[in-house]
C-alpha atoms as a PDB file:
ATOM      1  CA  MET A   1     -18.395   7.779   6.517  1.00  0.00           C
ATOM      2  CA  ALA A   2     -17.405   6.267   9.828  1.00  0.00           C
ATOM      3  CA  ASN A   3     -14.361   7.789  11.516  1.00  0.00           C
ATOM      4  CA  SER A   4     -12.700   4.507  12.188  1.00  0.00           C
ATOM      5  CA  THR A   5      -9.815   2.300  11.280  1.00  0.00           C
ATOM      6  CA  ASN A   6     -10.915  -0.837   9.531  1.00  0.00           C
ATOM      7  CA  ILE A   7      -8.686  -3.870   9.540  1.00  0.00           C
ATOM      8  CA  ALA A   8      -7.728  -5.818   6.697  1.00  0.00           C
ATOM      9  CA  LEU A   9      -7.468  -8.683   4.385  1.00  0.00           C
ATOM     10  CA  SER A  10      -4.876 -11.367   4.985  1.00  0.00           C
ATOM     11  CA  PHE A  11      -3.103 -12.757   1.961  1.00  0.00           C
ATOM     12  CA  VAL A  12      -3.103 -16.443   2.736  1.00  0.00           C
ATOM     13  CA  GLY A  13      -2.141 -19.382   0.591  1.00  0.00           C
ATOM     14  CA  ILE A  14       0.674 -21.639  -0.398  1.00  0.00           C
ATOM     15  CA  PHE A  15       4.068 -19.927  -0.687  1.00  0.00           C
ATOM     16  CA  ALA A  16       6.015 -20.729  -3.831  1.00  0.00           C
ATOM     17  CA  ALA A  17       9.431 -22.214  -3.184  1.00  0.00           C
ATOM     18  CA  SER A  18      11.304 -19.430  -4.909  1.00  0.00           C
ATOM     19  CA  ALA A  19      14.301 -17.236  -4.273  1.00  0.00           C
ATOM     20  CA  VAL A  20      12.083 -14.167  -3.901  1.00  0.00           C
ATOM     21  CA  MET A  21       9.788 -15.791  -1.355  1.00  0.00           C
ATOM     22  CA  THR A  22      12.677 -17.208   0.630  1.00  0.00           C
ATOM     23  CA  ALA A  23      14.258 -13.780   0.784  1.00  0.00           C
ATOM     24  CA  MET A  24      11.022 -12.241   2.020  1.00  0.00           C
ATOM     25  CA  LEU A  25      10.554 -14.808   4.765  1.00  0.00           C
ATOM     26  CA  LEU A  26      14.107 -14.303   6.011  1.00  0.00           C
ATOM     27  CA  HIS A  27      14.029 -10.481   5.622  1.00  0.00           C
ATOM     28  CA  MET A  28      16.894 -10.683   3.151  1.00  0.00           C
ATOM     29  CA  ASP A  29      17.367  -8.674  -0.002  1.00  0.00           C
ATOM     30  CA  PRO A  30      16.306 -10.843  -2.965  1.00  0.00           C
ATOM     31  CA  PRO A  31      19.234 -12.198  -5.014  1.00  0.00           C
ATOM     32  CA  ALA A  32      20.092 -10.576  -8.312  1.00  0.00           C
ATOM     33  CA  GLY A  33      17.775 -11.683 -11.082  1.00  0.00           C
ATOM     34  CA  ALA A  34      15.045 -12.852  -8.697  1.00  0.00           C
ATOM     35  CA  GLN A  35      12.728  -9.896  -9.189  1.00  0.00           C
ATOM     36  CA  GLU A  36      10.604 -11.505 -11.900  1.00  0.00           C
ATOM     37  CA  GLU A  37       7.471 -11.981  -9.922  1.00  0.00           C
ATOM     38  CA  ALA A  38       4.963 -13.677 -12.207  1.00  0.00           C
ATOM     39  CA  SER A  39       4.555 -17.160 -10.734  1.00  0.00           C
ATOM     40  CA  GLU A  40       4.949 -16.044  -7.111  1.00  0.00           C
ATOM     41  CA  VAL A  41       2.379 -13.279  -7.502  1.00  0.00           C
ATOM     42  CA  GLU A  42      -0.122 -15.563  -9.185  1.00  0.00           C
ATOM     43  CA  THR A  43       0.213 -17.964  -6.251  1.00  0.00           C
ATOM     44  CA  LEU A  44      -0.515 -15.172  -3.779  1.00  0.00           C
ATOM     45  CA  LEU A  45      -3.426 -13.846  -5.804  1.00  0.00           C
ATOM     46  CA  ALA A  46      -4.949 -17.320  -5.860  1.00  0.00           C
ATOM     47  CA  GLY A  47      -4.797 -17.424  -2.066  1.00  0.00           C
ATOM     48  CA  VAL A  48      -6.548 -14.138  -1.322  1.00  0.00           C
ATOM     49  CA  GLY A  49      -9.268 -14.594   1.319  1.00  0.00           C
ATOM     50  CA  SER A  50     -11.146 -12.573   3.905  1.00  0.00           C
ATOM     51  CA  ALA A  51      -9.778 -12.184   7.419  1.00  0.00           C
ATOM     52  CA  SER A  52     -11.754 -11.355  10.521  1.00  0.00           C
ATOM     53  CA  SER A  53     -11.942  -7.598  11.022  1.00  0.00           C
ATOM     54  CA  GLN A  54     -11.832  -5.308  14.014  1.00  0.00           C
ATOM     55  CA  HIS A  55     -13.190  -1.829  14.653  1.00  0.00           C
ATOM     56  CA  VAL A  56     -10.559   0.560  16.026  1.00  0.00           C
ATOM     57  CA  THR A  57     -10.870   4.215  16.989  1.00  0.00           C
ATOM     58  CA  ALA A  58      -8.747   6.600  14.969  1.00  0.00           C
ATOM     59  CA  GLU A  59      -8.466   9.316  17.632  1.00  0.00           C
ATOM     60  CA  ALA A  60      -4.965   8.183  18.618  1.00  0.00           C
ATOM     61  CA  PRO A  61      -3.713   6.148  15.650  1.00  0.00           C
ATOM     62  CA  LEU A  62      -1.233   3.358  16.284  1.00  0.00           C
ATOM     63  CA  ILE A  63       0.324   4.063  12.901  1.00  0.00           C
ATOM     64  CA  GLY A  64      -0.150   6.745  10.289  1.00  0.00           C
ATOM     65  CA  VAL A  65      -2.334   9.826  10.645  1.00  0.00           C
ATOM     66  CA  ALA A  66      -5.783  10.166  12.191  1.00  0.00           C
ATOM     67  CA  VAL A  67      -9.181  10.458  10.626  1.00  0.00           C
ATOM     68  CA  GLY A  68     -10.009  14.151  10.366  1.00  0.00           C
ATOM     69  CA  ASP A  69      -6.444  15.261   9.606  1.00  0.00           C
ATOM     70  CA  LEU A  70      -5.990  17.497   6.586  1.00  0.00           C
ATOM     71  CA  ARG A  71      -3.326  16.132   4.251  1.00  0.00           C
ATOM     72  CA  PRO A  72      -3.456  18.012   0.941  1.00  0.00           C
ATOM     73  CA  ASP A  73       0.265  18.792   1.283  1.00  0.00           C
ATOM     74  CA  GLY A  74       3.203  16.459   1.853  1.00  0.00           C
ATOM     75  CA  LEU A  75       2.390  14.128  -1.006  1.00  0.00           C
ATOM     76  CA  GLU A  76       4.814  15.201  -3.706  1.00  0.00           C
ATOM     77  CA  ALA A  77       6.687  12.541  -5.634  1.00  0.00           C
ATOM     78  CA  GLN A  78       7.378  11.252  -9.116  1.00  0.00           C
ATOM     79  CA  ASP A  79       5.149   8.601 -10.620  1.00  0.00           C
ATOM     80  CA  GLN A  80       6.166   5.656 -12.820  1.00  0.00           C
ATOM     81  CA  LEU A  81       6.376   7.961 -15.842  1.00  0.00           C
ATOM     82  CA  GLY A  82       8.739  10.349 -14.079  1.00  0.00           C
ATOM     83  CA  ARG A  83       6.065  13.023 -13.740  1.00  0.00           C
ATOM     84  CA  ASP A  84       5.939  15.225 -10.658  1.00  0.00           C
ATOM     85  CA  ARG A  85       2.738  14.465  -8.816  1.00  0.00           C
ATOM     86  CA  SER A  86       1.005  16.080  -5.836  1.00  0.00           C
ATOM     87  CA  PHE A  87      -2.411  15.769  -4.216  1.00  0.00           C
ATOM     88  CA  SER A  88      -3.980  18.173  -6.723  1.00  0.00           C
ATOM     89  CA  GLU A  89      -2.910  15.961  -9.663  1.00  0.00           C
ATOM     90  CA  LEU A  90      -3.888  12.695  -7.963  1.00  0.00           C
ATOM     91  CA  VAL A  91      -7.280  13.518  -6.453  1.00  0.00           C
ATOM     92  CA  GLY A  92     -10.530  12.739  -8.249  1.00  0.00           C
ATOM     93  CA  ALA A  93     -13.809  14.619  -7.994  1.00  0.00           C
ATOM     94  CA  SER A  94     -14.681  12.701  -4.809  1.00  0.00           C
ATOM     95  CA  GLY A  95     -11.224  12.233  -3.333  1.00  0.00           C
ATOM     96  CA  LEU A  96      -8.151  10.030  -3.281  1.00  0.00           C
ATOM     97  CA  VAL A  97      -7.492   6.483  -2.096  1.00  0.00           C
ATOM     98  CA  LEU A  98      -3.847   6.314  -1.018  1.00  0.00           C
ATOM     99  CA  TYR A  99      -1.962   3.089  -0.396  1.00  0.00           C
ATOM    100  CA  PHE A 100       1.381   2.670   1.366  1.00  0.00           C
ATOM    101  CA  ALA A 101       3.315  -0.464   0.373  1.00  0.00           C
ATOM    102  CA  ARG A 102       6.885  -1.691   0.661  1.00  0.00           C
ATOM    103  CA  SER A 103       7.976  -2.341  -2.935  1.00  0.00           C
ATOM    104  CA  VAL A 104       6.443  -3.447  -6.207  1.00  0.00           C
ATOM    105  CA  ASP A 105       9.933  -4.362  -7.409  1.00  0.00           C
ATOM    106  CA  TRP A 106      10.827  -7.124  -4.929  1.00  0.00           C
ATOM    107  CA  CYS A 107       7.931  -7.644  -2.483  1.00  0.00           C
ATOM    108  CA  PRO A 108       5.499 -10.279  -3.850  1.00  0.00           C
ATOM    109  CA  TYR A 109       2.801  -9.283  -1.339  1.00  0.00           C
ATOM    110  CA  CYS A 110       2.928  -5.691  -2.588  1.00  0.00           C
ATOM    111  CA  GLN A 111       2.937  -6.879  -6.186  1.00  0.00           C
ATOM    112  CA  ALA A 112      -0.138  -9.021  -5.582  1.00  0.00           C
ATOM    113  CA  GLN A 113      -1.893  -6.158  -3.815  1.00  0.00           C
ATOM    114  CA  ALA A 114      -1.105  -3.755  -6.666  1.00  0.00           C
ATOM    115  CA  ILE A 115      -2.323  -6.207  -9.304  1.00  0.00           C
ATOM    116  CA  HIS A 116      -5.560  -6.862  -7.417  1.00  0.00           C
ATOM    117  CA  LEU A 117      -6.074  -3.124  -6.934  1.00  0.00           C
ATOM    118  CA  ASN A 118      -5.443  -2.531 -10.639  1.00  0.00           C
ATOM    119  CA  GLU A 119      -8.176  -5.021 -11.502  1.00  0.00           C
ATOM    120  CA  ARG A 120     -10.655  -2.965  -9.457  1.00  0.00           C
ATOM    121  CA  MET A 121      -9.744   0.467 -10.792  1.00  0.00           C
ATOM    122  CA  ASP A 122     -13.088   0.962 -12.509  1.00  0.00           C
ATOM    123  CA  ASP A 123     -14.826   0.639  -9.131  1.00  0.00           C
ATOM    124  CA  PHE A 124     -12.808   3.585  -7.823  1.00  0.00           C
ATOM    125  CA  LEU A 125     -13.052   5.695 -10.956  1.00  0.00           C
ATOM    126  CA  GLU A 126     -16.825   5.372 -11.261  1.00  0.00           C
ATOM    127  CA  ARG A 127     -17.074   6.706  -7.705  1.00  0.00           C
ATOM    128  CA  GLY A 128     -14.864   9.672  -8.560  1.00  0.00           C
ATOM    129  CA  TYR A 129     -11.748   8.616  -6.648  1.00  0.00           C
ATOM    130  CA  GLY A 130      -8.162   8.782  -7.788  1.00  0.00           C
ATOM    131  CA  VAL A 131      -5.823   6.017  -6.614  1.00  0.00           C
ATOM    132  CA  ALA A 132      -2.123   6.152  -5.781  1.00  0.00           C
ATOM    133  CA  MET A 133       0.402   3.888  -4.058  1.00  0.00           C
ATOM    134  CA  VAL A 134       3.561   5.075  -2.290  1.00  0.00           C
ATOM    135  CA  THR A 135       6.493   2.637  -2.273  1.00  0.00           C
ATOM    136  CA  THR A 136      10.219   2.781  -1.554  1.00  0.00           C
ATOM    137  CA  ASP A 137      11.040   1.982  -5.188  1.00  0.00           C
ATOM    138  CA  THR A 138      12.884   4.197  -7.617  1.00  0.00           C
ATOM    139  CA  VAL A 139      11.077   5.581 -10.647  1.00  0.00           C
ATOM    140  CA  ALA A 140      12.874   3.045 -12.844  1.00  0.00           C
ATOM    141  CA  GLU A 141      11.604   0.210 -10.653  1.00  0.00           C
ATOM    142  CA  THR A 142       7.989   1.411 -10.574  1.00  0.00           C
ATOM    143  CA  ALA A 143       8.143   1.999 -14.324  1.00  0.00           C
ATOM    144  CA  ALA A 144       9.288  -1.569 -14.996  1.00  0.00           C
ATOM    145  CA  PHE A 145       6.533  -3.074 -12.845  1.00  0.00           C
ATOM    146  CA  ALA A 146       3.853  -0.779 -14.287  1.00  0.00           C
ATOM    147  CA  ALA A 147       4.872  -1.729 -17.831  1.00  0.00           C
ATOM    148  CA  ARG A 148       4.803  -5.470 -17.083  1.00  0.00           C
ATOM    149  CA  ARG A 149       1.414  -5.325 -15.400  1.00  0.00           C
ATOM    150  CA  ASP A 150      -0.308  -2.439 -17.253  1.00  0.00           C
ATOM    151  CA  ILE A 151      -0.824  -0.537 -14.013  1.00  0.00           C
ATOM    152  CA  ARG A 152      -3.491   2.143 -14.373  1.00  0.00           C
ATOM    153  CA  PHE A 153      -2.944   4.075 -11.132  1.00  0.00           C
ATOM    154  CA  SER A 154      -0.052   6.236  -9.923  1.00  0.00           C
ATOM    155  CA  LEU A 155       2.922   4.507  -8.318  1.00  0.00           C
ATOM    156  CA  LEU A 156       4.725   7.167  -6.291  1.00  0.00           C
ATOM    157  CA  SER A 157       8.447   6.775  -5.718  1.00  0.00           C
ATOM    158  CA  ASP A 158       9.706   7.438  -2.171  1.00  0.00           C
ATOM    159  CA  PRO A 159      13.143   5.745  -2.033  1.00  0.00           C
ATOM    160  CA  ASP A 160      14.306   7.869   0.909  1.00  0.00           C
ATOM    161  CA  SER A 161      11.074   7.230   2.861  1.00  0.00           C
ATOM    162  CA  GLU A 162      10.388  10.957   3.206  1.00  0.00           C
ATOM    163  CA  ILE A 163       6.649  10.697   2.557  1.00  0.00           C
ATOM    164  CA  ILE A 164       6.504   7.481   4.562  1.00  0.00           C
ATOM    165  CA  ALA A 165       8.030   9.194   7.601  1.00  0.00           C
ATOM    166  CA  ALA A 166       5.912  12.335   7.185  1.00  0.00           C
ATOM    167  CA  TRP A 167       2.773  10.198   7.276  1.00  0.00           C
ATOM    168  CA  ASN A 168       4.007   8.225  10.307  1.00  0.00           C
ATOM    169  CA  GLN A 169       4.036   5.030   8.249  1.00  0.00           C
ATOM    170  CA  LEU A 170       7.413   3.584   9.291  1.00  0.00           C
ATOM    171  CA  ASP A 171       6.944  -0.077  10.179  1.00  0.00           C
ATOM    172  CA  PRO A 172       7.627  -0.326  13.950  1.00  0.00           C
ATOM    173  CA  ALA A 173       8.935  -3.870  13.489  1.00  0.00           C
ATOM    174  CA  PHE A 174      12.208  -2.429  12.165  1.00  0.00           C
ATOM    175  CA  GLU A 175      14.440  -0.282  14.351  1.00  0.00           C
ATOM    176  CA  GLU A 176      16.362   2.701  13.095  1.00  0.00           C
ATOM    177  CA  GLY A 177      19.692   1.562  11.674  1.00  0.00           C
ATOM    178  CA  SER A 178      18.419  -1.871  10.717  1.00  0.00           C
ATOM    179  CA  ARG A 179      18.448  -3.069   7.125  1.00  0.00           C
ATOM    180  CA  ASN A 180      14.680  -2.773   6.707  1.00  0.00           C
ATOM    181  CA  TYR A 181      14.229   0.540   8.507  1.00  0.00           C
ATOM    182  CA  GLY A 182      12.311   2.947   6.290  1.00  0.00           C
ATOM    183  CA  LEU A 183       9.844   0.410   4.946  1.00  0.00           C
ATOM    184  CA  PRO A 184       6.210   1.377   5.515  1.00  0.00           C
ATOM    185  CA  TYR A 185       3.571  -0.640   7.321  1.00  0.00           C
ATOM    186  CA  PRO A 186       0.887  -1.447   4.723  1.00  0.00           C
ATOM    187  CA  THR A 187      -1.919   1.069   5.198  1.00  0.00           C
ATOM    188  CA  THR A 188      -4.697   2.547   3.076  1.00  0.00           C
ATOM    189  CA  TYR A 189      -6.267   6.006   3.392  1.00  0.00           C
ATOM    190  CA  VAL A 190      -9.427   7.491   1.974  1.00  0.00           C
ATOM    191  CA  LEU A 191      -9.173  11.272   1.608  1.00  0.00           C
ATOM    192  CA  ASN A 192     -11.965  13.543   0.443  1.00  0.00           C
ATOM    193  CA  ALA A 193     -11.515  16.133  -2.300  1.00  0.00           C
ATOM    194  CA  SER A 194     -10.218  18.671   0.240  1.00  0.00           C
ATOM    195  CA  GLY A 195      -7.513  16.319   1.507  1.00  0.00           C
ATOM    196  CA  GLU A 196      -9.207  15.388   4.777  1.00  0.00           C
ATOM    197  CA  VAL A 197      -8.635  11.816   5.948  1.00  0.00           C
ATOM    198  CA  GLU A 198     -12.013  10.078   6.100  1.00  0.00           C
ATOM    199  CA  ALA A 199     -10.979   6.472   6.712  1.00  0.00           C
ATOM    200  CA  VAL A 200      -7.826   4.518   7.548  1.00  0.00           C
ATOM    201  CA  PHE A 201      -7.337   0.798   6.944  1.00  0.00           C
ATOM    202  CA  PHE A 202      -4.541  -1.351   8.357  1.00  0.00           C
ATOM    203  CA  ASN A 203      -4.084  -4.630  10.199  1.00  0.00           C
ATOM    204  CA  GLU A 204      -3.711  -3.822  13.887  1.00  0.00           C
ATOM    205  CA  ALA A 205      -3.314  -7.471  14.912  1.00  0.00           C
ATOM    206  CA  THR A 206       0.088  -7.831  13.244  1.00  0.00           C
ATOM    207  CA  LEU A 207       1.407  -4.287  13.781  1.00  0.00           C
ATOM    208  CA  GLY A 208       4.971  -4.512  15.127  1.00  0.00           C
ATOM    209  CA  GLU A 209       5.453  -8.138  14.122  1.00  0.00           C
ATOM    210  CA  ALA A 210       8.389  -9.031  11.896  1.00  0.00           C
ATOM    211  CA  ARG A 211       6.076 -10.373   9.190  1.00  0.00           C
ATOM    212  CA  GLY A 212       3.141  -8.082   9.824  1.00  0.00           C
ATOM    213  CA  TYR A 213       3.442  -6.749   6.295  1.00  0.00           C
ATOM    214  CA  VAL A 214       1.947  -9.988   4.927  1.00  0.00           C
ATOM    215  CA  ASP A 215      -1.626  -8.970   5.847  1.00  0.00           C
ATOM    216  CA  ARG A 216      -3.204  -6.488   3.452  1.00  0.00           C
ATOM    217  CA  VAL A 217      -6.356  -4.430   3.233  1.00  0.00           C
ATOM    218  CA  ASP A 218      -9.306  -6.004   1.444  1.00  0.00           C
ATOM    219  CA  VAL A 219     -10.102  -3.794  -1.531  1.00  0.00           C
ATOM    220  CA  ASP A 220     -13.802  -4.621  -1.089  1.00  0.00           C
ATOM    221  CA  ASP A 221     -13.720  -3.058   2.397  1.00  0.00           C
ATOM    222  CA  VAL A 222     -12.156   0.102   0.971  1.00  0.00           C
ATOM    223  CA  ILE A 223     -14.704   0.328  -1.840  1.00  0.00           C
ATOM    224  CA  ALA A 224     -17.563  -0.277   0.587  1.00  0.00           C
ATOM    225  CA  SER A 225     -16.367   2.653   2.711  1.00  0.00           C
ATOM    226  CA  LEU A 226     -16.645   4.962  -0.307  1.00  0.00           C
ATOM    227  CA  ASP A 227     -20.366   4.283  -0.445  1.00  0.00           C
ATOM    228  CA  GLU A 228     -21.048   5.086   3.203  1.00  0.00           C
END
């Protein structure tokens, strides 16, 4: 598998004129009662398309941890069922695919990504990989989303951004002390069964931009890397 950082799918399409979407564009907290994501997520899913990709060395990562790092520790959190989970419970026979996302409770881009990933779970499982996604949501919030969407992979709750910080995933667009500080920059890792990072996927082009979180990794690129 190539020791490289592969860059990403851009969620493009028409934005629904909704309270949730308006809040996201303005970096505001969504208003009470606006978390029901169905129509907004379907709009985003309909607009998924391939973006041009770049090939970036992972020797000095711009975000996250480098290819070759061992990360079997530092991944302890509760999943959507309130179960304590660590690398040993999450990893499959071949390894673990680990996603970092902002929130499946209020972020429609994260919701769309999670739904699309859920639809492709069999592709990961048949290759022997476990799948998990770290978000800033509480267990109650991940549980509600997982129940609505029949999520088949582990949603790991990191409301204090402890795992996010430990993995160097803090979005550089938001300064410490700001309202959005602590949110991760969307990134995907492939780890082997020993916990070694074998591939890292993120969108370098929008790193540090206020709306860089919109662009997401193409699940096909991730799956293709598993076969290398």
